[in-house]
PDB file of N, CA and C in Angstrom:
ATOM      1  N   MET A   1      32.516  81.010  50.384  1.00  0.00           N
ATOM      2  CA  MET A   1      33.113  80.944  51.705  1.00  0.00           C
ATOM      3  C   MET A   1      33.734  82.283  52.078  1.00  0.00           C
ATOM      4  N   LYS A   2      34.435  82.916  51.126  1.00  0.00           N
ATOM      5  CA  LYS A   2      35.082  84.189  51.405  1.00  0.00           C
ATOM      6  C   LYS A   2      34.054  85.268  51.703  1.00  0.00           C
ATOM      7  N   LYS A   3      32.888  85.193  51.030  1.00  0.00           N
ATOM      8  CA  LYS A   3      31.825  86.169  51.244  1.00  0.00           C
ATOM      9  C   LYS A   3      31.338  86.120  52.697  1.00  0.00           C
ATOM     10  N   ASN A   4      31.132  84.915  53.240  1.00  0.00           N
ATOM     11  CA  ASN A   4      30.708  84.768  54.632  1.00  0.00           C
ATOM     12  C   ASN A   4      31.770  85.271  55.592  1.00  0.00           C
ATOM     13  N   LYS A   5      33.042  85.039  55.260  1.00  0.00           N
ATOM     14  CA  LYS A   5      34.139  85.491  56.102  1.00  0.00           C
ATOM     15  C   LYS A   5      34.142  87.016  56.202  1.00  0.00           C
ATOM     16  N   ASN A   6      33.911  87.691  55.064  1.00  0.00           N
ATOM     17  CA  ASN A   6      33.853  89.153  55.060  1.00  0.00           C
ATOM     18  C   ASN A   6      32.658  89.661  55.850  1.00  0.00           C
ATOM     19  N   LYS A   7      31.516  88.970  55.747  1.00  0.00           N
ATOM     20  CA  LYS A   7      30.328  89.360  56.512  1.00  0.00           C
ATOM     21  C   LYS A   7      30.589  89.206  58.007  1.00  0.00           C
ATOM     22  N   ASN A   8      31.261  88.110  58.382  1.00  0.00           N
ATOM     23  CA  ASN A   8      31.579  87.896  59.791  1.00  0.00           C
ATOM     24  C   ASN A   8      32.533  88.964  60.307  1.00  0.00           C
ATOM     25  N   LYS A   9      33.495  89.375  59.480  1.00  0.00           N
ATOM     26  CA  LYS A   9      34.420  90.439  59.879  1.00  0.00           C
ATOM     27  C   LYS A   9      33.667  91.741  60.103  1.00  0.00           C
ATOM     28  N   LYS A  10      32.695  92.024  59.222  1.00  0.00           N
ATOM     29  CA  LYS A  10      31.893  93.239  59.372  1.00  0.00           C
ATOM     30  C   LYS A  10      31.087  93.197  60.660  1.00  0.00           C
ATOM     31  N   LEU A  11      30.516  92.027  60.964  1.00  0.00           N
ATOM     32  CA  LEU A  11      29.736  91.895  62.183  1.00  0.00           C
ATOM     33  C   LEU A  11      30.628  92.031  63.415  1.00  0.00           C
ATOM     34  N   LEU A  12      31.809  91.418  63.386  1.00  0.00           N
ATOM     35  CA  LEU A  12      32.744  91.556  64.506  1.00  0.00           C
ATOM     36  C   LEU A  12      33.163  93.018  64.693  1.00  0.00           C
ATOM     37  N   LYS A  13      33.389  93.721  63.584  1.00  0.00           N
ATOM     38  CA  LYS A  13      33.732  95.142  63.663  1.00  0.00           C
ATOM     39  C   LYS A  13      32.570  95.920  64.273  1.00  0.00           C
ATOM     40  N   TRP A  14      31.344  95.582  63.870  1.00  0.00           N
ATOM     41  CA  TRP A  14      30.174  96.261  64.420  1.00  0.00           C
ATOM     42  C   TRP A  14      30.077  96.017  65.923  1.00  0.00           C
ATOM     43  N   PHE A  15      30.319  94.771  66.352  1.00  0.00           N
ATOM     44  CA  PHE A  15      30.325  94.472  67.786  1.00  0.00           C
ATOM     45  C   PHE A  15      31.380  95.316  68.506  1.00  0.00           C
ATOM     46  N   LYS A  16      32.567  95.422  67.914  1.00  0.00           N
ATOM     47  CA  LYS A  16      33.627  96.250  68.511  1.00  0.00           C
ATOM     48  C   LYS A  16      33.189  97.703  68.597  1.00  0.00           C
ATOM     49  N   ASP A  17      32.603  98.208  67.503  1.00  0.00           N
ATOM     50  CA  ASP A  17      32.144  99.602  67.476  1.00  0.00           C
ATOM     51  C   ASP A  17      31.067  99.868  68.524  1.00  0.00           C
ATOM     52  N   GLN A  18      30.263  98.862  68.818  1.00  0.00           N
ATOM     53  CA  GLN A  18      29.207  99.005  69.819  1.00  0.00           C
ATOM     54  C   GLN A  18      29.754  98.855  71.245  1.00  0.00           C
ATOM     55  N   GLY A  19      31.012  98.479  71.350  1.00  0.00           N
ATOM     56  CA  GLY A  19      31.654  98.366  72.661  1.00  0.00           C
ATOM     57  C   GLY A  19      31.350  97.093  73.419  1.00  0.00           C
ATOM     58  N   VAL A  20      30.883  96.067  72.724  1.00  0.00           N
ATOM     59  CA  VAL A  20      30.534  94.832  73.427  1.00  0.00           C
ATOM     60  C   VAL A  20      31.524  93.702  73.208  1.00  0.00           C
ATOM     61  N   LEU A  21      32.451  93.889  72.310  1.00  0.00           N
ATOM     62  CA  LEU A  21      33.474  92.884  72.068  1.00  0.00           C
ATOM     63  C   LEU A  21      34.765  93.383  72.700  1.00  0.00           C
ATOM     64  N   LYS A  22      35.195  92.666  73.714  1.00  0.00           N
ATOM     65  CA  LYS A  22      36.388  93.086  74.448  1.00  0.00           C
ATOM     66  C   LYS A  22      37.432  91.984  74.393  1.00  0.00           C
ATOM     67  N   ARG A  23      38.675  92.393  74.379  1.00  0.00           N
ATOM     68  CA  ARG A  23      39.768  91.437  74.343  1.00  0.00           C
ATOM     69  C   ARG A  23      40.388  91.331  75.735  1.00  0.00           C
ATOM     70  N   LYS A  24      40.543  90.101  76.206  1.00  0.00           N
ATOM     71  CA  LYS A  24      41.213  89.812  77.472  1.00  0.00           C
ATOM     72  C   LYS A  24      42.326  88.823  77.169  1.00  0.00           C
ATOM     73  N   GLY A  25      43.538  89.344  77.050  1.00  0.00           N
ATOM     74  CA  GLY A  25      44.664  88.496  76.656  1.00  0.00           C
ATOM     75  C   GLY A  25      44.482  88.011  75.243  1.00  0.00           C
ATOM     76  N   ASN A  26      44.452  86.683  75.077  1.00  0.00           N
ATOM     77  CA  ASN A  26      44.250  86.143  73.739  1.00  0.00           C
ATOM     78  C   ASN A  26      42.800  85.698  73.509  1.00  0.00           C
ATOM     79  N   LEU A  27      41.891  86.120  74.378  1.00  0.00           N
ATOM     80  CA  LEU A  27      40.478  85.781  74.265  1.00  0.00           C
ATOM     81  C   LEU A  27      39.653  87.019  73.958  1.00  0.00           C
ATOM     82  N   TYR A  28      38.579  86.824  73.216  1.00  0.00           N
ATOM     83  CA  TYR A  28      37.601  87.884  73.000  1.00  0.00           C
ATOM     84  C   TYR A  28      36.351  87.525  73.791  1.00  0.00           C
ATOM     85  N   VAL A  29      35.795  88.503  74.469  1.00  0.00           N
ATOM     86  CA  VAL A  29      34.603  88.305  75.274  1.00  0.00           C
ATOM     87  C   VAL A  29      33.497  89.192  74.713  1.00  0.00           C
ATOM     88  N   ALA A  30      32.380  88.581  74.457  1.00  0.00           N
ATOM     89  CA  ALA A  30      31.202  89.312  73.973  1.00  0.00           C
ATOM     90  C   ALA A  30      29.978  88.661  74.605  1.00  0.00           C
ATOM     91  N   ASP A  31      29.565  89.209  75.737  1.00  0.00           N
ATOM     92  CA  ASP A  31      28.500  88.603  76.530  1.00  0.00           C
ATOM     93  C   ASP A  31      27.216  88.330  75.753  1.00  0.00           C
ATOM     94  N   ARG A  32      26.833  89.231  74.904  1.00  0.00           N
ATOM     95  CA  ARG A  32      25.545  89.128  74.239  1.00  0.00           C
ATOM     96  C   ARG A  32      25.663  88.883  72.733  1.00  0.00           C
ATOM     97  N   ALA A  33      26.819  88.483  72.283  1.00  0.00           N
ATOM     98  CA  ALA A  33      27.070  88.346  70.853  1.00  0.00           C
ATOM     99  C   ALA A  33      26.250  87.238  70.207  1.00  0.00           C
ATOM    100  N   PHE A  34      26.063  86.111  70.881  1.00  0.00           N
ATOM    101  CA  PHE A  34      25.338  85.000  70.265  1.00  0.00           C
ATOM    102  C   PHE A  34      23.910  85.404  69.911  1.00  0.00           C
ATOM    103  N   MET A  35      23.205  85.988  70.864  1.00  0.00           N
ATOM    104  CA  MET A  35      21.819  86.401  70.619  1.00  0.00           C
ATOM    105  C   MET A  35      21.765  87.532  69.593  1.00  0.00           C
ATOM    106  N   ALA A  36      22.686  88.487  69.698  1.00  0.00           N
ATOM    107  CA  ALA A  36      22.713  89.598  68.744  1.00  0.00           C
ATOM    108  C   ALA A  36      22.971  89.080  67.330  1.00  0.00           C
ATOM    109  N   HIS A  37      23.905  88.143  67.191  1.00  0.00           N
ATOM    110  CA  HIS A  37      24.216  87.557  65.882  1.00  0.00           C
ATOM    111  C   HIS A  37      22.985  86.842  65.325  1.00  0.00           C
ATOM    112  N   SER A  38      22.304  86.113  66.172  1.00  0.00           N
ATOM    113  CA  SER A  38      21.095  85.415  65.767  1.00  0.00           C
ATOM    114  C   SER A  38      20.027  86.398  65.286  1.00  0.00           C
ATOM    115  N   ALA A  39      19.852  87.485  66.019  1.00  0.00           N
ATOM    116  CA  ALA A  39      18.856  88.498  65.653  1.00  0.00           C
ATOM    117  C   ALA A  39      19.233  89.199  64.343  1.00  0.00           C
ATOM    118  N   VAL A  40      20.507  89.499  64.162  1.00  0.00           N
ATOM    119  CA  VAL A  40      20.966  90.134  62.918  1.00  0.00           C
ATOM    120  C   VAL A  40      20.696  89.199  61.735  1.00  0.00           C
ATOM    121  N   ASN A  41      20.982  87.924  61.897  1.00  0.00           N
ATOM    122  CA  ASN A  41      20.709  86.962  60.824  1.00  0.00           C
ATOM    123  C   ASN A  41      19.219  86.887  60.509  1.00  0.00           C
ATOM    124  N   TRP A  42      18.378  86.952  61.536  1.00  0.00           N
ATOM    125  CA  TRP A  42      16.927  86.945  61.358  1.00  0.00           C
ATOM    126  C   TRP A  42      16.497  88.170  60.548  1.00  0.00           C
ATOM    127  N   ILE A  43      17.061  89.321  60.892  1.00  0.00           N
ATOM    128  CA  ILE A  43      16.741  90.563  60.166  1.00  0.00           C
ATOM    129  C   ILE A  43      17.175  90.454  58.713  1.00  0.00           C
ATOM    130  N   LYS A  44      18.402  89.960  58.486  1.00  0.00           N
ATOM    131  CA  LYS A  44      18.898  89.803  57.112  1.00  0.00           C
ATOM    132  C   LYS A  44      17.984  88.892  56.296  1.00  0.00           C
ATOM    133  N   LYS A  45      17.585  87.782  56.889  1.00  0.00           N
ATOM    134  CA  LYS A  45      16.725  86.827  56.188  1.00  0.00           C
ATOM    135  C   LYS A  45      15.390  87.461  55.849  1.00  0.00           C
ATOM    136  N   ARG A  46      14.778  88.141  56.804  1.00  0.00           N
ATOM    137  CA  ARG A  46      13.482  88.786  56.574  1.00  0.00           C
ATOM    138  C   ARG A  46      13.605  89.888  55.519  1.00  0.00           C
ATOM    139  N   ALA A  47      14.703  90.640  55.558  1.00  0.00           N
ATOM    140  CA  ALA A  47      14.919  91.711  54.578  1.00  0.00           C
ATOM    141  C   ALA A  47      15.091  91.128  53.175  1.00  0.00           C
ATOM    142  N   SER A  48      15.844  90.025  53.067  1.00  0.00           N
ATOM    143  CA  SER A  48      16.061  89.414  51.751  1.00  0.00           C
ATOM    144  C   SER A  48      14.780  88.833  51.173  1.00  0.00           C
ATOM    145  N   GLN A  49      13.827  88.502  52.039  1.00  0.00           N
ATOM    146  CA  GLN A  49      12.535  87.984  51.592  1.00  0.00           C
ATOM    147  C   GLN A  49      11.555  89.120  51.277  1.00  0.00           C
ATOM    148  N   GLY A  50      12.010  90.367  51.471  1.00  0.00           N
ATOM    149  CA  GLY A  50      11.156  91.516  51.206  1.00  0.00           C
ATOM    150  C   GLY A  50      10.139  91.784  52.300  1.00  0.00           C
ATOM    151  N   LEU A  51      10.353  91.211  53.479  1.00  0.00           N
ATOM    152  CA  LEU A  51       9.404  91.371  54.581  1.00  0.00           C
ATOM    153  C   LEU A  51       9.704  92.578  55.468  1.00  0.00           C
ATOM    154  N   LEU A  52      10.883  93.177  55.292  1.00  0.00           N
ATOM    155  CA  LEU A  52      11.262  94.360  56.060  1.00  0.00           C
ATOM    156  C   LEU A  52      11.729  95.445  55.104  1.00  0.00           C
ATOM    157  N   ASP A  53      11.262  96.661  55.324  1.00  0.00           N
ATOM    158  CA  ASP A  53      11.784  97.772  54.530  1.00  0.00           C
ATOM    159  C   ASP A  53      12.947  98.417  55.289  1.00  0.00           C
ATOM    160  N   THR A  54      13.561  99.414  54.707  1.00  0.00           N
ATOM    161  CA  THR A  54      14.747 100.045  55.290  1.00  0.00           C
ATOM    162  C   THR A  54      14.459 100.599  56.679  1.00  0.00           C
ATOM    163  N   LYS A  55      13.324 101.238  56.857  1.00  0.00           N
ATOM    164  CA  LYS A  55      12.963 101.809  58.162  1.00  0.00           C
ATOM    165  C   LYS A  55      12.832 100.713  59.222  1.00  0.00           C
ATOM    166  N   GLU A  56      12.201  99.613  58.857  1.00  0.00           N
ATOM    167  CA  GLU A  56      12.029  98.513  59.797  1.00  0.00           C
ATOM    168  C   GLU A  56      13.369  97.867  60.154  1.00  0.00           C
ATOM    169  N   ILE A  57      14.260  97.768  59.176  1.00  0.00           N
ATOM    170  CA  ILE A  57      15.601  97.223  59.443  1.00  0.00           C
ATOM    171  C   ILE A  57      16.313  98.119  60.449  1.00  0.00           C
ATOM    172  N   GLU A  58      16.267  99.428  60.230  1.00  0.00           N
ATOM    173  CA  GLU A  58      16.917 100.376  61.144  1.00  0.00           C
ATOM    174  C   GLU A  58      16.320 100.299  62.537  1.00  0.00           C
ATOM    175  N   GLU A  59      14.989 100.179  62.635  1.00  0.00           N
ATOM    176  CA  GLU A  59      14.336 100.069  63.946  1.00  0.00           C
ATOM    177  C   GLU A  59      14.778  98.796  64.664  1.00  0.00           C
ATOM    178  N   ASN A  60      14.831  97.686  63.929  1.00  0.00           N
ATOM    179  CA  ASN A  60      15.256  96.421  64.532  1.00  0.00           C
ATOM    180  C   ASN A  60      16.716  96.482  64.972  1.00  0.00           C
ATOM    181  N   MET A  61      17.566  97.110  64.164  1.00  0.00           N
ATOM    182  CA  MET A  61      18.975  97.242  64.541  1.00  0.00           C
ATOM    183  C   MET A  61      19.117  98.136  65.778  1.00  0.00           C
ATOM    184  N   SER A  62      18.252  99.135  65.913  1.00  0.00           N
ATOM    185  CA  SER A  62      18.264  99.982  67.116  1.00  0.00           C
ATOM    186  C   SER A  62      17.931  99.162  68.353  1.00  0.00           C
ATOM    187  N   VAL A  63      16.988  98.234  68.213  1.00  0.00           N
ATOM    188  CA  VAL A  63      16.641  97.358  69.339  1.00  0.00           C
ATOM    189  C   VAL A  63      17.831  96.467  69.687  1.00  0.00           C
ATOM    190  N   ILE A  64      18.547  95.979  68.681  1.00  0.00           N
ATOM    191  CA  ILE A  64      19.726  95.149  68.951  1.00  0.00           C
ATOM    192  C   ILE A  64      20.795  95.976  69.661  1.00  0.00           C
ATOM    193  N   ARG A  65      20.954  97.234  69.262  1.00  0.00           N
ATOM    194  CA  ARG A  65      21.907  98.108  69.967  1.00  0.00           C
ATOM    195  C   ARG A  65      21.512  98.258  71.436  1.00  0.00           C
ATOM    196  N   LEU A  66      20.222  98.443  71.704  1.00  0.00           N
ATOM    197  CA  LEU A  66      19.746  98.535  73.093  1.00  0.00           C
ATOM    198  C   LEU A  66      20.029  97.235  73.845  1.00  0.00           C
ATOM    199  N   PHE A  67      19.880  96.118  73.172  1.00  0.00           N
ATOM    200  CA  PHE A  67      20.193  94.823  73.773  1.00  0.00           C
ATOM    201  C   PHE A  67      21.681  94.737  74.126  1.00  0.00           C
ATOM    202  N   LEU A  68      22.531  95.168  73.198  1.00  0.00           N
ATOM    203  CA  LEU A  68      23.970  95.130  73.449  1.00  0.00           C
ATOM    204  C   LEU A  68      24.374  96.073  74.575  1.00  0.00           C
ATOM    205  N   GLN A  69      23.610  97.155  74.766  1.00  0.00           N
ATOM    206  CA  GLN A  69      23.862  98.104  75.849  1.00  0.00           C
ATOM    207  C   GLN A  69      23.198  97.667  77.156  1.00  0.00           C
ATOM    208  N   LYS A  70      22.571  96.495  77.148  1.00  0.00           N
ATOM    209  CA  LYS A  70      21.891  95.911  78.303  1.00  0.00           C
ATOM    210  C   LYS A  70      20.734  96.780  78.796  1.00  0.00           C
ATOM    211  N   LYS A  71      20.051  97.435  77.853  1.00  0.00           N
ATOM    212  CA  LYS A  71      18.872  98.239  78.185  1.00  0.00           C
ATOM    213  C   LYS A  71      17.581  97.457  77.960  1.00  0.00           C
ATOM    214  N   VAL A  72      17.639  96.418  77.128  1.00  0.00           N
ATOM    215  CA  VAL A  72      16.521  95.500  76.914  1.00  0.00           C
ATOM    216  C   VAL A  72      17.093  94.095  76.815  1.00  0.00           C
ATOM    217  N   ASP A  73      16.229  93.119  76.989  1.00  0.00           N
ATOM    218  CA  ASP A  73      16.610  91.727  76.765  1.00  0.00           C
ATOM    219  C   ASP A  73      15.855  91.217  75.550  1.00  0.00           C
ATOM    220  N   LEU A  74      16.449  90.281  74.859  1.00  0.00           N
ATOM    221  CA  LEU A  74      15.825  89.640  73.714  1.00  0.00           C
ATOM    222  C   LEU A  74      15.735  88.147  73.982  1.00  0.00           C
ATOM    223  N   MET A  75      14.665  87.537  73.472  1.00  0.00           N
ATOM    224  CA  MET A  75      14.556  86.087  73.555  1.00  0.00           C
ATOM    225  C   MET A  75      13.700  85.585  72.407  1.00  0.00           C
ATOM    226  N   TRP A  76      14.006  84.383  71.973  1.00  0.00           N
ATOM    227  CA  TRP A  76      13.268  83.761  70.888  1.00  0.00           C
ATOM    228  C   TRP A  76      12.077  83.006  71.451  1.00  0.00           C
ATOM    229  N   GLU A  77      10.958  83.103  70.736  1.00  0.00           N
ATOM    230  CA  GLU A  77       9.786  82.312  71.093  1.00  0.00           C
ATOM    231  C   GLU A  77       8.992  82.050  69.821  1.00  0.00           C
ATOM    232  N   ASP A  78       8.928  80.808  69.399  1.00  0.00           N
ATOM    233  CA  ASP A  78       8.191  80.405  68.200  1.00  0.00           C
ATOM    234  C   ASP A  78       8.587  81.202  66.963  1.00  0.00           C
ATOM    235  N   GLY A  79       9.879  81.407  66.751  1.00  0.00           N
ATOM    236  CA  GLY A  79      10.370  82.102  65.566  1.00  0.00           C
ATOM    237  C   GLY A  79      10.201  83.607  65.595  1.00  0.00           C
ATOM    238  N   ILE A  80       9.834  84.142  66.741  1.00  0.00           N
ATOM    239  CA  ILE A  80       9.648  85.584  66.913  1.00  0.00           C
ATOM    240  C   ILE A  80      10.623  86.059  67.975  1.00  0.00           C
ATOM    241  N   ILE A  81      11.217  87.219  67.739  1.00  0.00           N
ATOM    242  CA  ILE A  81      12.098  87.808  68.741  1.00  0.00           C
ATOM    243  C   ILE A  81      11.238  88.656  69.680  1.00  0.00           C
ATOM    244  N   ASN A  82      11.279  88.325  70.948  1.00  0.00           N
ATOM    245  CA  ASN A  82      10.566  89.100  71.956  1.00  0.00           C
ATOM    246  C   ASN A  82      11.536  90.061  72.608  1.00  0.00           C
ATOM    247  N   VAL A  83      11.086  91.280  72.789  1.00  0.00           N
ATOM    248  CA  VAL A  83      11.884  92.313  73.433  1.00  0.00           C
ATOM    249  C   VAL A  83      11.296  92.545  74.814  1.00  0.00           C
ATOM    250  N   VAL A  84      12.123  92.370  75.839  1.00  0.00           N
ATOM    251  CA  VAL A  84      11.679  92.545  77.211  1.00  0.00           C
ATOM    252  C   VAL A  84      12.366  93.777  77.775  1.00  0.00           C
ATOM    253  N   MET A  85      11.574  94.736  78.194  1.00  0.00           N
ATOM    254  CA  MET A  85      12.118  95.961  78.766  1.00  0.00           C
ATOM    255  C   MET A  85      12.711  95.644  80.132  1.00  0.00           C
ATOM    256  N   ILE A  86      13.884  96.176  80.394  1.00  0.00           N
ATOM    257  CA  ILE A  86      14.536  95.978  81.684  1.00  0.00           C
ATOM    258  C   ILE A  86      14.199  97.164  82.575  1.00  0.00           C
ATOM    259  N   ASN A  87      13.692  96.852  83.756  1.00  0.00           N
ATOM    260  CA  ASN A  87      13.378  97.918  84.709  1.00  0.00           C
ATOM    261  C   ASN A  87      14.663  98.443  85.310  1.00  0.00           C
ATOM    262  N   SER A  88      14.839  99.752  85.285  1.00  0.00           N
ATOM    263  CA  SER A  88      16.056 100.333  85.841  1.00  0.00           C
ATOM    264  C   SER A  88      15.904 100.699  87.306  1.00  0.00           C
ATOM    265  N   GLU A  89      14.674 100.735  87.792  1.00  0.00           N
ATOM    266  CA  GLU A  89      14.460 101.082  89.194  1.00  0.00           C
ATOM    267  C   GLU A  89      14.508  99.825  90.037  1.00  0.00           C
ATOM    268  N   GLU A  90      15.209  99.913  91.159  1.00  0.00           N
ATOM    269  CA  GLU A  90      15.369  98.744  92.020  1.00  0.00           C
ATOM    270  C   GLU A  90      14.103  98.414  92.796  1.00  0.00           C
ATOM    271  N   ASP A  91      13.229  99.393  93.018  1.00  0.00           N
ATOM    272  CA  ASP A  91      12.074  99.167  93.870  1.00  0.00           C
ATOM    273  C   ASP A  91      10.840  98.735  93.079  1.00  0.00           C
ATOM    274  N   THR A  92      10.997  98.280  91.846  1.00  0.00           N
ATOM    275  CA  THR A  92       9.856  97.801  91.079  1.00  0.00           C
ATOM    276  C   THR A  92       9.529  96.382  91.501  1.00  0.00           C
ATOM    277  N   ASP A  93       8.395  95.908  91.069  1.00  0.00           N
ATOM    278  CA  ASP A  93       7.971  94.565  91.452  1.00  0.00           C
ATOM    279  C   ASP A  93       8.405  93.505  90.436  1.00  0.00           C
ATOM    280  N   ASN A  94       9.522  93.760  89.758  1.00  0.00           N
ATOM    281  CA  ASN A  94      10.122  92.825  88.806  1.00  0.00           C
ATOM    282  C   ASN A  94       9.260  92.535  87.585  1.00  0.00           C
ATOM    283  N   GLU A  95       8.260  93.352  87.316  1.00  0.00           N
ATOM    284  CA  GLU A  95       7.493  93.163  86.095  1.00  0.00           C
ATOM    285  C   GLU A  95       8.162  93.916  84.970  1.00  0.00           C
ATOM    286  N   SER A  96       8.196  93.300  83.812  1.00  0.00           N
ATOM    287  CA  SER A  96       8.778  93.928  82.630  1.00  0.00           C
ATOM    288  C   SER A  96       7.674  94.174  81.616  1.00  0.00           C
ATOM    289  N   ASN A  97       7.820  95.225  80.869  1.00  0.00           N
ATOM    290  CA  ASN A  97       6.945  95.423  79.720  1.00  0.00           C
ATOM    291  C   ASN A  97       7.473  94.511  78.637  1.00  0.00           C
ATOM    292  N   ARG A  98       6.589  93.868  77.942  1.00  0.00           N
ATOM    293  CA  ARG A  98       7.031  92.924  76.924  1.00  0.00           C
ATOM    294  C   ARG A  98       6.498  93.367  75.572  1.00  0.00           C
ATOM    295  N   LEU A  99       7.378  93.479  74.644  1.00  0.00           N
ATOM    296  CA  LEU A  99       7.030  93.854  73.280  1.00  0.00           C
ATOM    297  C   LEU A  99       7.402  92.713  72.365  1.00  0.00           C
ATOM    298  N   GLU A 100       6.660  92.526  71.307  1.00  0.00           N
ATOM    299  CA  GLU A 100       7.013  91.510  70.334  1.00  0.00           C
ATOM    300  C   GLU A 100       7.415  92.193  69.043  1.00  0.00           C
ATOM    301  N   ALA A 101       8.485  91.700  68.443  1.00  0.00           N
ATOM    302  CA  ALA A 101       8.892  92.166  67.127  1.00  0.00           C
ATOM    303  C   ALA A 101       8.565  91.054  66.148  1.00  0.00           C
ATOM    304  N   SER A 102       7.577  91.271  65.333  1.00  0.00           N
ATOM    305  CA  SER A 102       7.162  90.274  64.365  1.00  0.00           C
ATOM    306  C   SER A 102       6.939  90.967  63.036  1.00  0.00           C
ATOM    307  N   ASN A 103       7.541  90.437  61.998  1.00  0.00           N
ATOM    308  CA  ASN A 103       7.467  91.040  60.674  1.00  0.00           C
ATOM    309  C   ASN A 103       7.950  92.484  60.704  1.00  0.00           C
ATOM    310  N   GLY A 104       8.878  92.775  61.599  1.00  0.00           N
ATOM    311  CA  GLY A 104       9.456  94.109  61.667  1.00  0.00           C
ATOM    312  C   GLY A 104       8.595  95.096  62.438  1.00  0.00           C
ATOM    313  N   GLU A 105       7.458  94.660  62.969  1.00  0.00           N
ATOM    314  CA  GLU A 105       6.597  95.580  63.699  1.00  0.00           C
ATOM    315  C   GLU A 105       6.768  95.362  65.176  1.00  0.00           C
ATOM    316  N   GLN A 106       6.673  96.436  65.939  1.00  0.00           N
ATOM    317  CA  GLN A 106       6.706  96.319  67.389  1.00  0.00           C
ATOM    318  C   GLN A 106       5.312  96.592  67.909  1.00  0.00           C
ATOM    319  N   ARG A 107       4.873  95.766  68.818  1.00  0.00           N
ATOM    320  CA  ARG A 107       3.531  95.929  69.400  1.00  0.00           C
ATOM    321  C   ARG A 107       3.646  96.308  70.844  1.00  0.00           C
TER     322      ARG A 107
END
């Protein structure tokens, strides 16, 4: 139990360091924390199974950082994390480039 508590503290610190965990009075607000936490757990599980090497872990964590910075969106579909590029131009036709992250690879 204590081991999980320490891991959660590390993750909360990481969220703070990324600037996405904010305190408002006695509440903490983290708009994208649930999905980011889910993705981090997915990465940890895949890494522990030997399905991701160090480079792939770093690449996936970079995508999560982009998600926390609201530069991409993430969504789950059939056990795969899909990365949806967010268009920054207002005059686009609302189409997004869609990438899939599966087994640590981006397509």
